N, C-alpha and C. Protein backbone atom coordinates (compact mmCIF):
# COMPACT_ATOMS: atom_id res chain seq x y z
N MET A 1 5.43 12.09 -5.26
CA MET A 1 3.53 11.75 -5.11
C MET A 1 4.02 11.34 -6.24
N PHE A 2 3.53 9.30 -6.42
CA PHE A 2 3.37 7.40 -6.93
C PHE A 2 1.90 8.17 -7.30
N ARG A 3 2.34 7.75 -7.98
CA ARG A 3 0.73 7.55 -9.53
C ARG A 3 0.89 6.67 -10.13
N GLY A 4 -0.76 6.39 -10.51
CA GLY A 4 -0.39 4.66 -11.42
C GLY A 4 -0.38 3.30 -11.21
N VAL A 5 -0.59 2.83 -11.96
CA VAL A 5 -1.11 1.33 -12.03
C VAL A 5 0.65 0.45 -12.47
N THR A 6 0.90 -0.12 -12.45
CA THR A 6 1.67 -0.80 -12.65
C THR A 6 1.69 -1.96 -12.67
N ILE A 7 1.67 -3.56 -13.66
CA ILE A 7 1.97 -4.50 -13.08
C ILE A 7 2.79 -5.19 -13.30
N VAL A 8 3.31 -5.62 -12.31
CA VAL A 8 4.59 -6.19 -12.18
C VAL A 8 4.66 -8.61 -11.93
N ASN A 9 6.36 -9.36 -12.06
CA ASN A 9 5.54 -10.32 -11.52
C ASN A 9 5.87 -10.51 -10.40
N LEU A 10 5.47 -11.27 -9.20
CA LEU A 10 5.84 -11.61 -8.56
C LEU A 10 6.63 -13.21 -8.15
N ASP A 11 8.20 -13.09 -7.79
CA ASP A 11 8.70 -14.88 -8.84
C ASP A 11 7.99 -16.20 -7.27
N ALA A 12 9.28 -16.65 -7.61
CA ALA A 12 8.48 -17.45 -6.57
C ALA A 12 8.97 -17.65 -5.38
N LYS A 13 9.99 -17.29 -5.58
CA LYS A 13 10.35 -16.36 -4.01
C LYS A 13 10.02 -15.25 -3.07
N GLY A 14 8.81 -15.04 -3.52
CA GLY A 14 8.97 -13.68 -2.91
C GLY A 14 9.04 -12.00 -2.90
N ARG A 15 9.81 -12.55 -4.90
CA ARG A 15 9.98 -11.05 -4.20
C ARG A 15 9.18 -10.45 -5.45
N LEU A 16 9.26 -9.10 -5.31
CA LEU A 16 8.45 -8.13 -6.08
C LEU A 16 9.76 -7.01 -6.66
N ALA A 17 9.85 -6.27 -7.99
CA ALA A 17 10.46 -5.77 -9.01
C ALA A 17 9.27 -4.40 -8.73
N ILE A 18 10.04 -2.97 -7.46
CA ILE A 18 9.87 -1.83 -7.87
C ILE A 18 9.82 -2.01 -9.32
N PRO A 19 8.60 -0.63 -10.33
CA PRO A 19 8.90 -0.55 -10.55
C PRO A 19 9.58 0.64 -11.24
N SER A 20 10.50 0.18 -11.81
CA SER A 20 11.97 1.76 -12.32
C SER A 20 11.18 2.94 -11.96
N ARG A 21 10.15 3.31 -13.34
CA ARG A 21 9.94 4.50 -12.83
C ARG A 21 9.76 5.50 -11.63
N HIS A 22 9.36 4.55 -10.33
CA HIS A 22 9.54 5.55 -9.95
C HIS A 22 10.86 4.47 -8.07
N ARG A 23 11.12 4.01 -8.00
CA ARG A 23 13.50 3.59 -8.27
C ARG A 23 13.69 4.53 -7.48
N GLU A 24 14.13 5.96 -8.40
CA GLU A 24 14.34 7.22 -7.78
C GLU A 24 14.57 7.58 -7.00
N GLN A 25 13.63 7.76 -7.45
CA GLN A 25 11.96 8.84 -5.65
C GLN A 25 12.28 7.91 -4.54
N LEU A 26 12.01 6.86 -4.85
CA LEU A 26 11.69 6.32 -3.21
C LEU A 26 13.25 5.76 -2.97
N GLU A 27 14.88 6.30 -3.58
CA GLU A 27 15.44 6.10 -3.04
C GLU A 27 15.51 7.45 -2.76
N ALA A 28 15.13 8.80 -3.66
CA ALA A 28 15.85 9.36 -2.55
C ALA A 28 14.85 9.75 -1.40
N MET A 29 14.14 8.97 -0.67
CA MET A 29 13.29 9.50 0.13
C MET A 29 14.12 8.67 1.20
N SER A 30 14.09 7.09 0.61
CA SER A 30 14.57 6.11 1.92
C SER A 30 15.83 5.65 2.08
N GLY A 31 16.01 6.24 1.04
CA GLY A 31 17.35 4.70 0.67
C GLY A 31 16.97 3.78 -0.10
N THR A 32 17.05 2.75 0.67
CA THR A 32 16.82 1.70 -0.76
C THR A 32 16.06 1.03 0.88
N ARG A 33 15.64 1.63 2.09
CA ARG A 33 14.30 0.61 3.17
C ARG A 33 13.10 1.52 2.94
N LEU A 34 12.85 0.65 2.95
CA LEU A 34 10.78 0.08 2.98
C LEU A 34 10.00 -0.21 3.40
N VAL A 35 8.79 0.93 3.91
CA VAL A 35 7.87 -0.38 5.28
C VAL A 35 7.15 -1.23 5.03
N VAL A 36 6.15 -1.74 5.28
CA VAL A 36 4.84 -3.33 3.65
C VAL A 36 3.78 -3.28 5.21
N THR A 37 3.13 -3.25 5.38
CA THR A 37 2.47 -3.78 6.23
C THR A 37 0.80 -3.86 5.21
N VAL A 38 -0.76 -4.60 6.33
CA VAL A 38 -1.58 -5.03 5.83
C VAL A 38 -2.15 -3.38 6.03
N ASP A 39 -3.59 -3.75 4.38
CA ASP A 39 -5.03 -2.64 5.36
C ASP A 39 -5.80 -4.16 5.07
N ARG A 40 -7.62 -2.88 5.63
CA ARG A 40 -8.53 -3.93 5.99
C ARG A 40 -8.97 -4.21 4.61
N ASP A 41 -8.33 -3.83 3.86
CA ASP A 41 -9.62 -4.57 2.49
C ASP A 41 -8.40 -5.59 1.17
N ARG A 42 -7.87 -6.06 2.41
CA ARG A 42 -6.84 -6.48 2.12
C ARG A 42 -6.49 -6.52 0.66
N CYS A 43 -5.08 -6.00 1.10
CA CYS A 43 -4.41 -5.66 0.06
C CYS A 43 -3.74 -5.03 1.10
N LEU A 44 -2.07 -4.81 0.01
CA LEU A 44 -0.10 -4.74 1.14
C LEU A 44 -0.44 -3.10 1.24
N LEU A 45 0.21 -2.46 2.19
CA LEU A 45 0.30 -1.26 1.85
C LEU A 45 2.18 -0.50 1.98
N LEU A 46 2.28 -0.40 1.12
CA LEU A 46 4.10 0.20 0.91
C LEU A 46 4.47 1.44 1.18
N TYR A 47 5.21 1.66 2.16
CA TYR A 47 5.26 3.82 1.95
C TYR A 47 7.04 3.38 2.29
N PRO A 48 8.19 4.05 1.42
CA PRO A 48 8.44 4.71 2.18
C PRO A 48 9.21 4.75 3.30
N GLU A 49 10.08 4.71 4.04
CA GLU A 49 10.70 4.24 5.59
C GLU A 49 10.36 5.78 6.43
N SER A 50 10.44 7.14 4.99
CA SER A 50 10.51 8.03 6.06
C SER A 50 9.21 8.51 6.44
N GLU A 51 8.30 8.00 5.30
CA GLU A 51 6.51 8.54 5.60
C GLU A 51 6.50 7.24 6.21
N TRP A 52 6.74 5.97 6.78
CA TRP A 52 6.18 5.30 7.34
C TRP A 52 6.29 5.68 8.01
N GLU A 53 6.79 6.05 9.29
CA GLU A 53 7.44 6.61 10.70
C GLU A 53 6.65 7.84 10.45
N ILE A 54 5.81 8.93 9.74
CA ILE A 54 5.76 9.57 10.89
C ILE A 54 4.46 9.06 10.92
N ILE A 55 3.78 7.80 9.56
CA ILE A 55 1.94 7.23 10.32
C ILE A 55 2.24 6.64 11.21
N GLU A 56 3.65 5.74 11.60
CA GLU A 56 3.72 5.70 13.14
C GLU A 56 4.35 5.80 14.43
N ARG A 57 4.38 6.88 14.33
CA ARG A 57 4.09 8.17 15.34
C ARG A 57 3.51 8.86 15.23
N LYS A 58 2.33 8.52 15.34
CA LYS A 58 0.53 9.55 14.77
C LYS A 58 0.17 7.86 15.40
N PHE A 59 0.32 6.17 15.64
CA PHE A 59 0.47 5.68 15.89
C PHE A 59 0.39 5.93 17.18
N ALA A 60 1.02 6.25 17.12
CA ALA A 60 1.78 5.91 19.12
C ALA A 60 1.60 7.16 19.30
N THR A 61 0.92 7.80 18.58
CA THR A 61 0.22 8.94 19.99
C THR A 61 -1.23 8.61 20.65
N LEU A 62 -2.53 7.56 20.03
CA LEU A 62 -3.26 6.84 19.61
C LEU A 62 -3.57 7.00 21.34
N PRO A 63 -4.39 6.24 22.38
CA PRO A 63 -4.45 6.19 23.83
C PRO A 63 -4.93 4.48 23.91
N ALA A 64 -3.21 4.89 25.12
CA ALA A 64 -3.47 3.35 25.15
C ALA A 64 -4.30 2.11 25.57
N LEU A 65 -5.58 3.12 26.56
CA LEU A 65 -6.36 1.91 27.47
C LEU A 65 -7.36 2.32 25.97
N ASP A 66 -8.16 2.50 25.13
CA ASP A 66 -8.83 2.75 24.29
C ASP A 66 -8.37 1.77 23.57
N PRO A 67 -8.93 0.41 23.55
CA PRO A 67 -9.39 -0.82 22.07
C PRO A 67 -9.14 -0.82 21.17
N LYS A 68 -10.12 -0.27 20.48
CA LYS A 68 -10.19 0.59 19.84
C LYS A 68 -8.92 1.39 18.78
N ALA A 69 -8.50 1.91 19.27
CA ALA A 69 -6.66 2.86 18.99
C ALA A 69 -5.83 1.66 18.79
N ARG A 70 -6.19 0.48 19.77
CA ARG A 70 -5.02 -0.90 20.23
C ARG A 70 -4.68 -1.35 18.97
N ALA A 71 -6.71 -1.55 18.64
CA ALA A 71 -6.85 -2.71 17.20
C ALA A 71 -6.28 -1.95 16.13
N LEU A 72 -5.85 -1.02 16.00
CA LEU A 72 -5.69 -0.13 14.73
C LEU A 72 -3.83 -0.59 14.94
N GLN A 73 -3.84 -0.86 16.10
CA GLN A 73 -2.04 0.09 15.82
C GLN A 73 -2.05 -1.70 15.84
N ARG A 74 -2.01 -2.37 16.67
CA ARG A 74 -2.14 -4.17 15.99
C ARG A 74 -2.09 -3.81 14.46
N LEU A 75 -3.39 -4.01 13.88
CA LEU A 75 -3.88 -3.62 11.85
C LEU A 75 -2.16 -3.49 11.90
N TYR A 76 -2.13 -2.50 12.26
CA TYR A 76 -0.46 -1.66 10.60
C TYR A 76 0.44 -1.66 11.61
N VAL A 77 0.68 -1.61 12.41
CA VAL A 77 2.17 -1.85 13.35
C VAL A 77 2.35 -2.54 13.50
N GLY A 78 1.78 -3.21 13.66
CA GLY A 78 2.25 -5.41 14.07
C GLY A 78 2.11 -5.54 13.28
N ASN A 79 1.53 -5.70 12.04
CA ASN A 79 2.43 -6.29 11.07
C ASN A 79 3.08 -5.56 9.66
N ALA A 80 3.61 -4.58 10.19
CA ALA A 80 4.25 -3.25 9.63
C ALA A 80 5.58 -4.25 9.04
N GLN A 81 6.34 -4.50 8.76
CA GLN A 81 7.97 -4.75 8.13
C GLN A 81 8.69 -4.64 7.36
N GLU A 82 10.29 -3.84 7.68
CA GLU A 82 11.17 -3.38 7.11
C GLU A 82 11.12 -4.74 5.24
N VAL A 83 11.80 -3.19 4.83
CA VAL A 83 12.00 -4.04 3.50
C VAL A 83 12.94 -3.42 3.11
N ASP A 84 13.48 -4.29 2.38
CA ASP A 84 15.30 -3.23 1.66
C ASP A 84 15.12 -3.48 -0.13
N ILE A 85 15.52 -2.13 -0.75
CA ILE A 85 14.91 -3.00 -2.19
C ILE A 85 17.20 -3.67 -2.50
N ASP A 86 16.36 -4.42 -3.52
CA ASP A 86 17.87 -5.07 -2.88
C ASP A 86 18.65 -4.31 -4.09
N MET A 87 19.92 -4.89 -5.21
CA MET A 87 20.55 -4.54 -5.79
C MET A 87 19.98 -4.52 -7.76
N GLN A 88 18.80 -5.74 -7.45
CA GLN A 88 18.60 -5.85 -8.89
C GLN A 88 17.08 -4.88 -8.98
N GLY A 89 16.95 -4.25 -7.70
CA GLY A 89 15.23 -3.19 -7.71
C GLY A 89 14.20 -4.44 -6.95
N ARG A 90 14.51 -5.52 -6.79
CA ARG A 90 13.26 -6.40 -5.74
C ARG A 90 13.29 -6.24 -3.82
N ILE A 91 11.78 -6.17 -4.16
CA ILE A 91 12.09 -7.16 -2.43
C ILE A 91 11.71 -8.05 -2.00
N LEU A 92 11.75 -8.23 -0.92
CA LEU A 92 11.46 -9.27 -0.86
C LEU A 92 9.99 -8.77 -0.03
N LEU A 93 9.32 -9.66 -0.66
CA LEU A 93 7.43 -9.86 1.09
C LEU A 93 7.73 -10.83 1.30
N PRO A 94 7.17 -10.55 2.49
CA PRO A 94 7.27 -12.12 3.71
C PRO A 94 5.92 -12.95 3.64
N ALA A 95 6.62 -13.98 3.62
CA ALA A 95 5.16 -14.80 2.97
C ALA A 95 3.96 -14.78 3.29
N TYR A 96 3.47 -14.29 5.15
CA TYR A 96 2.68 -13.89 5.65
C TYR A 96 1.47 -12.45 5.32
N LEU A 97 2.65 -11.88 4.33
CA LEU A 97 1.88 -11.24 3.99
C LEU A 97 1.58 -11.33 2.87
N ARG A 98 2.95 -11.69 1.85
CA ARG A 98 1.69 -12.00 0.18
C ARG A 98 0.19 -13.21 1.09
N GLU A 99 0.02 -13.49 2.03
CA GLU A 99 -0.85 -14.91 1.63
C GLU A 99 -1.90 -13.86 2.75
N PHE A 100 -1.94 -12.56 3.40
CA PHE A 100 -3.13 -12.07 3.92
C PHE A 100 -3.32 -11.83 2.19
N ALA A 101 -2.42 -11.40 1.51
CA ALA A 101 -3.69 -10.36 0.57
C ALA A 101 -3.63 -10.84 -0.93
N ALA A 102 -2.70 -12.76 -0.09
CA ALA A 102 -3.66 -13.45 -1.70
C ALA A 102 -2.27 -13.56 -2.92
N LEU A 103 -1.05 -12.50 -2.68
CA LEU A 103 -0.53 -12.56 -3.57
C LEU A 103 0.33 -13.45 -4.13
N ASP A 104 -0.26 -14.06 -5.48
CA ASP A 104 0.74 -15.05 -5.59
C ASP A 104 1.32 -14.89 -7.45
N LYS A 105 1.09 -14.32 -8.97
CA LYS A 105 1.98 -13.81 -9.39
C LYS A 105 1.85 -12.30 -9.83
N ARG A 106 1.16 -12.10 -10.09
CA ARG A 106 1.02 -11.20 -10.77
C ARG A 106 0.50 -9.92 -10.37
N VAL A 107 0.94 -8.47 -10.04
CA VAL A 107 0.98 -8.11 -8.55
C VAL A 107 0.46 -6.25 -9.23
N ALA A 108 -0.52 -5.80 -8.89
CA ALA A 108 -0.96 -4.23 -8.88
C ALA A 108 -0.08 -3.66 -7.85
N PHE A 109 1.15 -2.58 -8.74
CA PHE A 109 1.13 -1.80 -7.65
C PHE A 109 0.73 -0.56 -8.02
N VAL A 110 -0.30 0.63 -7.10
CA VAL A 110 -0.73 0.66 -7.55
C VAL A 110 -0.42 2.24 -6.74
N GLY A 111 0.57 3.16 -6.71
CA GLY A 111 0.86 4.53 -6.84
C GLY A 111 -0.38 5.24 -5.76
N LEU A 112 -0.43 6.52 -5.24
CA LEU A 112 -2.39 6.37 -3.98
C LEU A 112 -0.89 7.57 -3.46
N GLY A 113 -0.25 8.70 -3.18
CA GLY A 113 -0.23 9.06 -3.79
C GLY A 113 1.78 10.04 -2.37
N VAL A 114 1.64 9.37 -1.49
CA VAL A 114 2.75 9.15 -0.39
C VAL A 114 3.49 8.10 -0.44
N LYS A 115 2.54 6.80 -0.90
CA LYS A 115 2.42 5.06 -0.39
C LYS A 115 2.16 4.37 -2.24
N PHE A 116 2.33 3.03 -2.08
CA PHE A 116 1.61 2.10 -2.89
C PHE A 116 1.18 0.85 -1.47
N GLU A 117 -0.11 0.97 -2.93
CA GLU A 117 -1.18 -0.14 -2.31
C GLU A 117 -0.93 -1.64 -4.00
N LEU A 118 -1.18 -2.44 -3.56
CA LEU A 118 -0.10 -3.62 -3.47
C LEU A 118 -0.91 -5.08 -4.46
N TRP A 119 -1.69 -5.18 -4.75
CA TRP A 119 -3.03 -5.94 -5.26
C TRP A 119 -2.79 -7.12 -6.02
N ASP A 120 -2.98 -8.81 -5.44
CA ASP A 120 -3.15 -9.18 -6.76
C ASP A 120 -3.87 -8.67 -7.66
N GLU A 121 -3.19 -9.07 -8.63
CA GLU A 121 -3.97 -8.38 -10.42
C GLU A 121 -5.34 -8.70 -10.16
N SER A 122 -5.94 -10.22 -10.33
CA SER A 122 -7.60 -10.33 -10.84
C SER A 122 -8.70 -9.52 -9.93
N ALA A 123 -7.97 -9.16 -8.14
CA ALA A 123 -8.38 -8.59 -7.07
C ALA A 123 -8.75 -7.00 -7.59
N TRP A 124 -7.68 -6.06 -7.83
CA TRP A 124 -7.48 -4.61 -8.56
C TRP A 124 -8.61 -5.15 -9.34
N ARG A 125 -8.47 -5.26 -10.43
CA ARG A 125 -9.26 -5.14 -11.94
C ARG A 125 -10.74 -5.98 -10.38
N ALA A 126 -11.31 -6.90 -10.18
CA ALA A 126 -12.25 -6.96 -9.90
C ALA A 126 -13.13 -5.47 -8.85
N ARG A 127 -11.82 -4.97 -7.84
CA ARG A 127 -11.91 -3.32 -7.33
C ARG A 127 -12.39 -2.30 -7.91
N THR A 128 -11.66 -2.49 -8.89
CA THR A 128 -11.90 -1.29 -10.35
C THR A 128 -13.49 -0.92 -10.66
N GLU A 129 -14.04 -2.51 -11.00
CA GLU A 129 -14.68 -2.20 -12.62
C GLU A 129 -15.54 -2.69 -10.90
N ALA A 130 -15.90 -2.49 -9.42
CA ALA A 130 -17.29 -3.03 -8.89
C ALA A 130 -17.38 -1.28 -8.66
N ALA A 131 -16.21 0.03 -8.30
CA ALA A 131 -15.87 1.44 -7.79
C ALA A 131 -16.72 1.55 -9.39
N LEU A 132 -16.65 1.55 -10.29
CA LEU A 132 -17.29 2.11 -11.45
C LEU A 132 -18.88 1.50 -11.27
N ASN A 133 -19.03 0.60 -11.40
CA ASN A 133 -20.65 0.20 -11.41
C ASN A 133 -21.29 0.34 -10.81
N ASP A 134 -20.36 0.55 -9.20
CA ASP A 134 -21.52 0.33 -7.82
C ASP A 134 -21.21 1.89 -7.22
N LEU A 135 -20.19 2.76 -7.41
CA LEU A 135 -19.93 4.05 -6.80
C LEU A 135 -20.59 5.58 -7.32
N ASP A 136 -21.38 5.49 -6.48
CA ASP A 136 -22.28 7.21 -6.00
C ASP A 136 -21.54 7.77 -6.01
N LEU A 137 -21.09 8.40 -7.73
CA LEU A 137 -19.51 8.92 -7.54
C LEU A 137 -20.40 11.02 -7.42
N ASN A 138 -21.66 11.20 -7.28
CA ASN A 138 -22.69 12.59 -7.17
C ASN A 138 -22.36 12.37 -5.20
N ALA A 139 -23.21 11.42 -4.82
CA ALA A 139 -23.15 11.68 -3.21
C ALA A 139 -21.37 11.49 -2.96
N LEU A 140 -20.61 11.32 -3.23
CA LEU A 140 -19.87 10.97 -2.70
C LEU A 140 -18.92 12.01 -2.81
N ALA A 141 -19.15 13.14 -4.19
CA ALA A 141 -18.48 14.15 -3.88
C ALA A 141 -18.96 15.24 -2.41
N THR A 142 -20.61 15.11 -2.51
CA THR A 142 -20.88 15.78 -2.05
C THR A 142 -20.20 15.44 -0.58
N ASP A 143 -20.55 14.37 0.29
CA ASP A 143 -19.78 13.85 0.90
C ASP A 143 -17.74 14.32 1.98
N SER A 144 -18.15 13.95 0.51
CA SER A 144 -16.58 14.63 1.41
C SER A 144 -16.05 15.76 1.11
N GLY A 145 -16.72 16.66 -0.07
CA GLY A 145 -16.28 18.26 -0.18
C GLY A 145 -15.85 18.10 -1.43
N LEU A 146 -16.12 17.13 -2.56
CA LEU A 146 -14.69 17.35 -3.79
C LEU A 146 -16.61 17.08 -4.32
N GLY A 147 -16.86 18.78 -3.96
CA GLY A 147 -18.57 19.03 -5.27
C GLY A 147 -17.55 19.47 -6.49
N THR A 148 -16.60 20.27 -5.93
CA THR A 148 -15.80 21.33 -6.31
C THR A 148 -14.49 20.64 -7.10
N LEU A 149 -14.78 19.70 -7.62
CA LEU A 149 -13.59 18.92 -8.02
C LEU A 149 -13.39 18.51 -9.83
N THR A 150 -13.14 18.80 -10.71
CA THR A 150 -13.30 18.88 -12.31
C THR A 150 -12.33 17.61 -11.96
N LEU A 151 -12.40 17.16 -13.62
CA LEU A 151 -11.61 15.71 -13.64
C LEU A 151 -11.75 16.21 -14.81
């Protein structure tokens, strides 16, 4: 499981260093192959290829004539790109994906279990601050069944 936030630099060519604390586990899961795609929150999702294949199979089972299902397939599967970890532990993010998520120089690499989210650092900080200020945690806990969760 991946967790935590690491701020990393995106170089001028669009290469992003995978935080060293995650490289070994990623390589054990999928070798050097990862999959990156868009997310509705205007960040990128980064998966070990083995985890992405599970999701992709689920998308393939959606009804082909359902417009909402097709829209989801187009969004997530249609924008998915394979990326390889190079010898320096970096991945090259395609330009259109960097533009989609407004990734410029500093990127928040956010571990969320079996995947990562990639955010522009300032967007990540703003999102975190907004959640702290606006999120009704009591309602969320009740609505999601997390009422017994203690932190």
